[in-house]
Amino acid sequence: MYGSNPLQGVKDRAAADVPGVQDLRDAGERREHAVPKKAVRIRDEADYDGVLIMRLCDVHCHFFSTRFLEILTGGLPDLPEADRALEVSHRLGWDFPGSADGLADRWAAELDRHGVARAAIIASIPGDEDSVAAAVRRHPSRFVGFFMFNPTQGDVGGRLRRALGELRLRGICLFPAMHGYRLDEERARDVFAAAAVHNAVVFVHCGVLTVGVRKKLGLPSPFDLRLGDPLALATTAARFPQVRVIVPHFGAGQFRELLMAVDHSPNIHIDSSSSNSWMKYYPGLTLDAVFRQALAVAGPERVLFGTDSSFFPRGWQQPILAAQDAALRAAGVSDEDRAKIFGGNFDRLFPLS
């Protein structure tokens, strides 16, 4: 429906038998997934395991708008007030975002090109909610609107009512290490309370936090990594079991703690996005092993595919899809469960209205 599907013809890197996934949610129960051992010829290429067509949705894309660049660089003195975002784009080597509607159209075309049905797009700095809201209004069947929210800035209820009500956004993004608060304190609980009222998702960045665009522009990043604790998140998530929670990047270095939190709070979901370079903190860890363990604890219904795509001309990150699909195949994950991860879980969390 949305162009050629990128999951059709991804190479199977699992050359030998792969052990099945043990479901740790129910003691003693095992779920075995068969992995094809014989290649099937597709389009005259001999090393594919069959034609796979499934719906693809991306739960993690940043909408780096003109307004985002203006707010981000507001404190830099060596930029012109007029055409500030244009100058910043030149410095970064990015295409100028232009209007929110124009950027939304470009993202929709980019998703078409890669066969992506829907995507969550994030207003990646507080104050840029209107840009993402405009994109969602323009393409309501393609985009789900998320926005970064800082609960330390006061009037939590009023600001969230506007974003979740008037602007019709559906995901609140918390970055505690960036904004300096604990995930088990009252201000975080206020966010969850608003999410419960508006049936919104709370997206919480835990673990290591680096923001590439800040580094490129020489902006300071005095983040307190101690605050991105999945165990503190589990405390609050357990108080609001009706609120769905998404943690990106497999916990970004706090993988063990995230698995504990997921096991404790059944409303916490895992987002697989980015290159997952945090694995360097775990010698010998591989992406297929990460998926295997995440699925053993969370189950296939609580893992969602994401890329962490952000700016143009780079666009949507096809290599992330290829790497993650190969890892899931190597982990022996069935087509049915892969379909949930790559699109089904997204559609269930964010049904089209």
Protein backbone atom coordinates (compact mmCIF):
# COMPACT_ATOMS: atom_id res chain seq x y z
CA MET A 1 0.00 0.00 0.00
CA TYR A 2 2.86 2.37 0.79
CA GLY A 3 5.42 1.45 -1.85
CA SER A 4 7.75 -1.57 -1.85
CA ASN A 5 7.99 -3.30 1.51
CA PRO A 6 11.56 -3.21 2.87
CA LEU A 7 11.04 -6.47 4.74
CA GLN A 8 10.63 -8.36 1.48
CA GLY A 9 13.93 -9.97 0.68
CA VAL A 10 16.00 -9.07 3.74
CA LYS A 11 18.83 -11.60 3.95
CA ASP A 12 18.70 -14.27 6.63
CA ARG A 13 21.99 -14.17 8.48
CA ALA A 14 21.23 -17.24 10.54
CA ALA A 15 23.10 -20.01 8.74
CA ALA A 16 22.57 -22.74 11.33
CA ASP A 17 19.95 -23.91 13.78
CA VAL A 18 19.14 -21.24 16.35
CA PRO A 19 17.71 -22.13 19.77
CA GLY A 20 14.16 -21.08 20.41
CA VAL A 21 13.12 -18.30 22.74
CA GLN A 22 12.33 -19.20 26.32
CA ASP A 23 9.35 -17.30 27.66
CA LEU A 24 10.33 -16.28 31.18
CA ARG A 25 6.91 -14.83 31.97
CA ASP A 26 5.54 -18.31 32.79
CA ALA A 27 7.96 -20.62 34.56
CA GLY A 28 8.57 -23.89 32.80
CA GLU A 29 6.91 -22.84 29.55
CA ARG A 30 8.98 -22.79 26.35
CA ARG A 31 8.03 -21.45 22.96
CA GLU A 32 10.06 -22.84 20.06
CA HIS A 33 10.29 -21.07 16.71
CA ALA A 34 11.49 -22.90 13.65
CA VAL A 35 14.25 -21.29 11.64
CA PRO A 36 14.48 -22.34 7.99
CA LYS A 37 17.69 -24.20 7.22
CA LYS A 38 17.34 -24.27 3.45
CA ALA A 39 17.53 -21.17 1.27
CA VAL A 40 14.64 -20.39 -1.07
CA ARG A 41 15.34 -18.66 -4.36
CA ILE A 42 13.65 -15.26 -4.71
CA ARG A 43 14.22 -12.92 -7.61
CA ASP A 44 17.20 -15.04 -8.72
CA GLU A 45 18.96 -14.60 -5.39
CA ALA A 46 19.65 -17.83 -3.50
CA ASP A 47 20.18 -16.78 0.11
CA TYR A 48 16.76 -15.61 1.24
CA ASP A 49 14.42 -17.69 3.39
CA GLY A 50 11.20 -16.74 1.64
CA VAL A 51 9.03 -13.78 0.70
CA LEU A 52 7.93 -11.84 3.77
CA ILE A 53 5.46 -9.01 3.49
CA MET A 54 4.25 -7.41 6.69
CA ARG A 55 3.00 -4.05 7.82
CA LEU A 56 5.79 -1.75 8.99
CA CYS A 57 5.39 1.08 11.53
CA ASP A 58 8.14 3.13 13.22
CA VAL A 59 7.58 4.20 16.82
CA HIS A 60 10.57 6.56 17.02
CA CYS A 61 11.21 9.39 14.52
CA HIS A 62 12.25 12.95 15.38
CA PHE A 63 10.53 15.85 13.62
CA PHE A 64 13.39 18.37 13.45
CA SER A 65 11.39 21.40 12.37
CA THR A 66 12.42 24.98 11.72
CA ARG A 67 10.99 25.91 15.12
CA PHE A 68 13.05 23.14 16.75
CA LEU A 69 16.25 24.64 15.36
CA GLU A 70 15.24 28.14 16.45
CA ILE A 71 14.52 27.11 20.03
CA LEU A 72 17.58 24.86 20.29
CA THR A 73 20.00 27.61 19.25
CA GLY A 74 18.29 30.53 20.98
CA GLY A 75 21.26 31.00 23.32
CA LEU A 76 23.97 30.97 20.65
CA PRO A 77 25.18 34.54 20.09
CA ASP A 78 26.88 34.04 16.70
CA LEU A 79 23.71 33.35 14.75
CA PRO A 80 21.51 35.92 12.97
CA GLU A 81 18.04 36.47 14.37
CA ALA A 82 16.64 36.47 10.85
CA ASP A 83 17.00 33.12 9.07
CA ARG A 84 18.52 31.56 12.18
CA ALA A 85 17.26 28.08 11.33
CA LEU A 86 18.57 28.36 7.78
CA GLU A 87 22.06 29.21 9.04
CA VAL A 88 21.94 26.36 11.57
CA SER A 89 20.94 23.94 8.81
CA HIS A 90 23.96 25.03 6.78
CA ARG A 91 26.29 24.49 9.74
CA LEU A 92 24.92 21.02 10.34
CA GLY A 93 24.89 20.02 6.68
CA TRP A 94 21.14 19.37 6.86
CA ASP A 95 18.43 20.32 4.42
CA PHE A 96 16.48 23.33 5.65
CA PRO A 97 13.22 22.00 7.18
CA GLY A 98 11.02 24.80 5.82
CA SER A 99 7.38 24.90 6.93
CA ALA A 100 5.91 22.23 9.20
CA ASP A 101 3.47 21.26 6.44
CA GLY A 102 6.27 20.98 3.90
CA LEU A 103 8.39 18.87 6.24
CA ALA A 104 5.38 16.66 6.95
CA ASP A 105 4.89 16.11 3.22
CA ARG A 106 8.54 15.20 2.83
CA TRP A 107 8.35 12.68 5.67
CA ALA A 108 5.18 11.15 4.23
CA ALA A 109 6.92 10.73 0.86
CA GLU A 110 9.96 9.26 2.61
CA LEU A 111 7.80 6.72 4.42
CA ASP A 112 6.16 5.85 1.11
CA ARG A 113 9.58 5.27 -0.46
CA HIS A 114 10.54 2.79 2.25
CA GLY A 115 7.19 1.08 2.63
CA VAL A 116 6.48 2.42 6.12
CA ALA A 117 2.76 2.64 6.86
CA ARG A 118 2.82 4.86 9.98
CA ALA A 119 5.31 6.57 12.27
CA ALA A 120 5.41 8.35 15.60
CA ILE A 121 7.03 11.75 15.13
CA ILE A 122 8.49 13.58 18.11
CA ALA A 123 8.59 17.32 18.80
CA SER A 124 12.12 17.09 20.16
CA ILE A 125 12.30 20.20 22.29
CA PRO A 126 9.74 21.72 24.67
CA GLY A 127 7.81 24.45 22.86
CA ASP A 128 7.66 22.79 19.44
CA GLU A 129 4.39 20.95 19.94
CA ASP A 130 2.58 23.00 17.28
CA SER A 131 4.95 21.82 14.51
CA VAL A 132 4.17 18.16 15.12
CA ALA A 133 0.47 18.92 15.59
CA ALA A 134 0.47 20.55 12.14
CA ALA A 135 2.14 17.49 10.62
CA VAL A 136 -0.43 15.17 12.21
CA ARG A 137 -3.32 17.32 10.96
CA ARG A 138 -1.88 17.15 7.46
CA HIS A 139 -1.33 13.38 7.47
CA PRO A 140 -3.51 11.95 10.27
CA SER A 141 -3.40 8.39 8.98
CA ARG A 142 0.40 8.37 8.75
CA PHE A 143 1.66 10.19 11.85
CA VAL A 144 1.15 9.86 15.59
CA GLY A 145 2.28 12.99 17.46
CA PHE A 146 4.67 12.83 20.42
CA PHE A 147 6.24 15.80 22.20
CA MET A 148 9.09 16.39 24.63
CA PHE A 149 7.79 17.65 27.95
CA ASN A 150 9.67 19.19 30.89
CA PRO A 151 7.58 18.86 34.09
CA THR A 152 9.93 21.16 36.04
CA GLN A 153 8.67 24.23 34.15
CA GLY A 154 5.39 24.46 36.07
CA ASP A 155 1.71 24.32 35.08
CA VAL A 156 2.02 20.64 34.21
CA GLY A 157 -1.74 20.17 33.97
CA GLY A 158 -2.40 23.21 31.79
CA ARG A 159 0.36 22.52 29.31
CA LEU A 160 -0.58 18.87 28.98
CA ARG A 161 -4.27 19.70 28.53
CA ARG A 162 -3.40 21.86 25.56
CA ALA A 163 -1.01 19.35 23.95
CA LEU A 164 -3.18 16.29 24.50
CA GLY A 165 -6.52 18.03 24.07
CA GLU A 166 -6.42 20.97 21.68
CA LEU A 167 -3.40 19.72 19.68
CA ARG A 168 -4.48 16.07 19.79
CA LEU A 169 -0.98 14.71 20.44
CA ARG A 170 -0.78 11.19 21.82
CA GLY A 171 2.64 10.67 23.40
CA ILE A 172 4.39 12.57 26.22
CA CYS A 173 8.19 12.24 26.04
CA LEU A 174 10.11 12.51 29.30
CA PHE A 175 13.88 13.07 29.47
CA PRO A 176 14.65 13.14 33.21
CA ALA A 177 18.44 13.17 32.80
CA MET A 178 18.14 16.27 30.60
CA HIS A 179 15.63 18.19 32.71
CA GLY A 180 16.66 17.17 36.21
CA TYR A 181 13.92 15.28 38.04
CA ARG A 182 13.32 11.77 39.33
CA LEU A 183 10.90 9.41 37.66
CA ASP A 184 9.32 8.47 40.99
CA GLU A 185 8.66 12.01 42.23
CA GLU A 186 5.42 13.97 42.28
CA ARG A 187 6.06 15.90 39.07
CA ALA A 188 6.45 12.65 37.13
CA ARG A 189 3.32 11.27 38.75
CA ASP A 190 1.43 14.39 37.61
CA VAL A 191 2.42 13.58 34.03
CA PHE A 192 1.16 10.02 34.36
CA ALA A 193 -2.10 11.27 35.87
CA ALA A 194 -2.68 13.52 32.84
CA ALA A 195 -1.77 10.67 30.48
CA ALA A 196 -4.39 8.50 32.19
CA VAL A 197 -7.08 11.15 31.67
CA HIS A 198 -6.23 11.64 27.99
CA ASN A 199 -5.37 8.02 27.14
CA ALA A 200 -1.86 9.10 26.15
CA VAL A 201 1.34 7.10 26.05
CA VAL A 202 4.32 8.14 28.18
CA PHE A 203 7.65 7.72 26.38
CA VAL A 204 10.58 7.76 28.84
CA HIS A 205 14.25 8.01 27.92
CA CYS A 206 16.30 6.02 30.43
CA GLY A 207 20.01 5.21 30.63
CA VAL A 208 22.70 6.97 28.61
CA LEU A 209 21.58 10.18 26.87
CA THR A 210 23.55 11.85 24.09
CA VAL A 211 22.09 14.37 21.66
CA GLY A 212 24.13 14.46 18.47
CA VAL A 213 22.87 17.81 17.23
CA ARG A 214 23.91 19.48 20.50
CA LYS A 215 27.43 18.09 20.13
CA LYS A 216 27.69 19.31 16.54
CA LEU A 217 26.66 22.82 17.56
CA GLY A 218 28.90 22.93 20.64
CA LEU A 219 25.95 23.16 23.03
CA PRO A 220 26.57 21.91 26.58
CA SER A 221 24.86 18.70 27.70
CA PRO A 222 25.03 18.63 31.51
CA PHE A 223 22.80 15.56 31.80
CA ASP A 224 22.49 13.63 35.07
CA LEU A 225 22.41 10.01 33.93
CA ARG A 226 21.50 8.82 37.42
CA LEU A 227 17.98 10.17 36.88
CA GLY A 228 17.16 7.93 33.92
CA ASP A 229 16.54 4.90 36.12
CA PRO A 230 14.08 2.26 34.81
CA LEU A 231 13.49 1.03 38.37
CA ALA A 232 12.26 4.47 39.44
CA LEU A 233 10.07 4.47 36.34
CA ALA A 234 8.62 1.09 37.35
CA THR A 235 7.55 2.57 40.69
CA THR A 236 5.46 5.25 38.96
CA ALA A 237 4.25 3.00 36.15
CA ALA A 238 2.89 0.56 38.72
CA ARG A 239 0.77 3.35 40.24
CA PHE A 240 -0.84 3.97 36.83
CA PRO A 241 -1.34 0.52 35.28
CA GLN A 242 -3.72 1.91 32.65
CA VAL A 243 -0.98 4.19 31.21
CA ARG A 244 1.08 2.60 28.47
CA VAL A 245 4.79 3.36 28.76
CA ILE A 246 7.51 3.08 26.09
CA VAL A 247 11.24 3.03 26.89
CA PRO A 248 13.49 3.52 23.83
CA HIS A 249 16.79 1.90 22.89
CA PHE A 250 16.28 -1.16 25.11
CA GLY A 251 16.98 1.13 28.07
CA ALA A 252 20.11 2.70 26.51
CA GLY A 253 22.63 0.88 28.67
CA GLN A 254 20.33 -0.02 31.54
CA PHE A 255 19.11 -3.17 29.84
CA ARG A 256 19.09 -5.33 32.97
CA GLU A 257 17.21 -2.69 34.95
CA LEU A 258 14.72 -2.24 32.13
CA LEU A 259 14.01 -5.97 32.03
CA MET A 260 13.39 -5.86 35.78
CA ALA A 261 11.04 -2.89 35.32
CA VAL A 262 9.20 -4.61 32.46
CA ASP A 263 8.80 -7.75 34.54
CA HIS A 264 7.46 -5.67 37.43
CA SER A 265 5.11 -3.42 35.43
CA PRO A 266 3.18 -5.01 32.55
CA ASN A 267 2.33 -1.59 31.08
CA ILE A 268 6.00 -0.88 30.16
CA HIS A 269 6.96 -1.50 26.53
CA ILE A 270 10.38 -1.60 24.85
CA ASP A 271 11.38 0.41 21.78
CA SER A 272 14.20 -1.14 19.70
CA SER A 273 15.32 2.08 18.01
CA SER A 274 18.74 3.33 16.90
CA SER A 275 22.07 1.57 16.43
CA ASN A 276 21.98 0.53 20.11
CA SER A 277 25.62 1.47 20.59
CA TRP A 278 25.07 1.09 24.35
CA MET A 279 25.89 -2.59 23.82
CA LYS A 280 29.57 -1.61 24.11
CA TYR A 281 29.01 -1.50 27.88
CA TYR A 282 28.22 -5.25 27.81
CA PRO A 283 31.24 -7.08 26.33
CA GLY A 284 30.22 -9.74 23.85
CA LEU A 285 26.56 -8.77 23.75
CA THR A 286 24.92 -9.00 20.33
CA LEU A 287 21.67 -7.52 19.04
CA ASP A 288 20.08 -10.93 18.50
CA ALA A 289 20.84 -11.78 22.14
CA VAL A 290 19.26 -8.49 23.22
CA PHE A 291 16.10 -9.26 21.29
CA ARG A 292 16.03 -12.82 22.57
CA GLN A 293 16.18 -11.74 26.21
CA ALA A 294 13.78 -8.81 25.76
CA LEU A 295 11.22 -11.13 24.19
CA ALA A 296 11.73 -13.74 26.89
CA VAL A 297 10.83 -11.20 29.59
CA ALA A 298 8.44 -8.81 27.84
CA GLY A 299 6.90 -11.08 25.24
CA PRO A 300 6.38 -10.08 21.59
CA GLU A 301 3.40 -7.85 22.45
CA ARG A 302 5.57 -5.33 24.33
CA VAL A 303 8.44 -4.78 21.89
CA LEU A 304 8.06 -2.13 19.17
CA PHE A 305 10.30 -1.41 16.21
CA GLY A 306 11.85 2.04 15.87
CA THR A 307 14.70 3.67 13.95
CA ASP A 308 15.42 7.04 15.63
CA SER A 309 15.35 8.70 12.20
CA SER A 310 15.55 12.48 12.32
CA PHE A 311 16.88 14.80 9.59
CA PHE A 312 17.30 15.16 5.86
CA PRO A 313 19.02 14.41 3.55
CA ARG A 314 19.75 11.24 5.56
CA GLY A 315 16.03 10.52 5.94
CA TRP A 316 14.52 7.28 7.17
CA GLN A 317 17.10 4.80 8.44
CA GLN A 318 16.73 1.66 6.30
CA PRO A 319 19.96 0.10 7.70
CA ILE A 320 18.38 0.00 11.18
CA LEU A 321 15.53 -2.06 9.77
CA ALA A 322 17.89 -4.45 8.01
CA ALA A 323 20.01 -4.96 11.13
CA GLN A 324 17.05 -5.54 13.40
CA ASP A 325 15.27 -7.89 11.03
CA ALA A 326 18.46 -9.93 10.69
CA ALA A 327 18.83 -10.02 14.49
CA LEU A 328 15.26 -11.21 14.97
CA ARG A 329 15.76 -13.94 12.41
CA ALA A 330 19.01 -14.98 14.08
CA ALA A 331 17.14 -15.12 17.40
CA GLY A 332 14.63 -17.53 15.87
CA VAL A 333 11.63 -15.22 16.19
CA SER A 334 8.59 -16.38 14.27
CA ASP A 335 6.99 -14.44 11.43
CA GLU A 336 3.92 -13.91 13.59
CA ASP A 337 5.90 -12.31 16.41
CA ARG A 338 8.02 -10.27 14.01
CA ALA A 339 4.80 -8.91 12.51
CA LYS A 340 3.76 -7.72 15.97
CA ILE A 341 7.11 -6.03 16.59
CA PHE A 342 7.34 -4.38 13.17
CA GLY A 343 3.80 -3.03 13.03
CA GLY A 344 1.06 -4.83 14.90
CA ASN A 345 1.93 -3.53 18.34
CA PHE A 346 2.09 0.05 17.03
CA ASP A 347 -1.37 -0.22 15.50
CA ARG A 348 -2.75 -1.71 18.71
CA LEU A 349 -1.29 1.09 20.88
CA PHE A 350 -2.29 3.83 18.42
CA PRO A 351 -5.49 2.79 16.62
CA LEU A 352 -6.62 5.04 13.82
CA SER A 353 -9.47 7.21 15.04
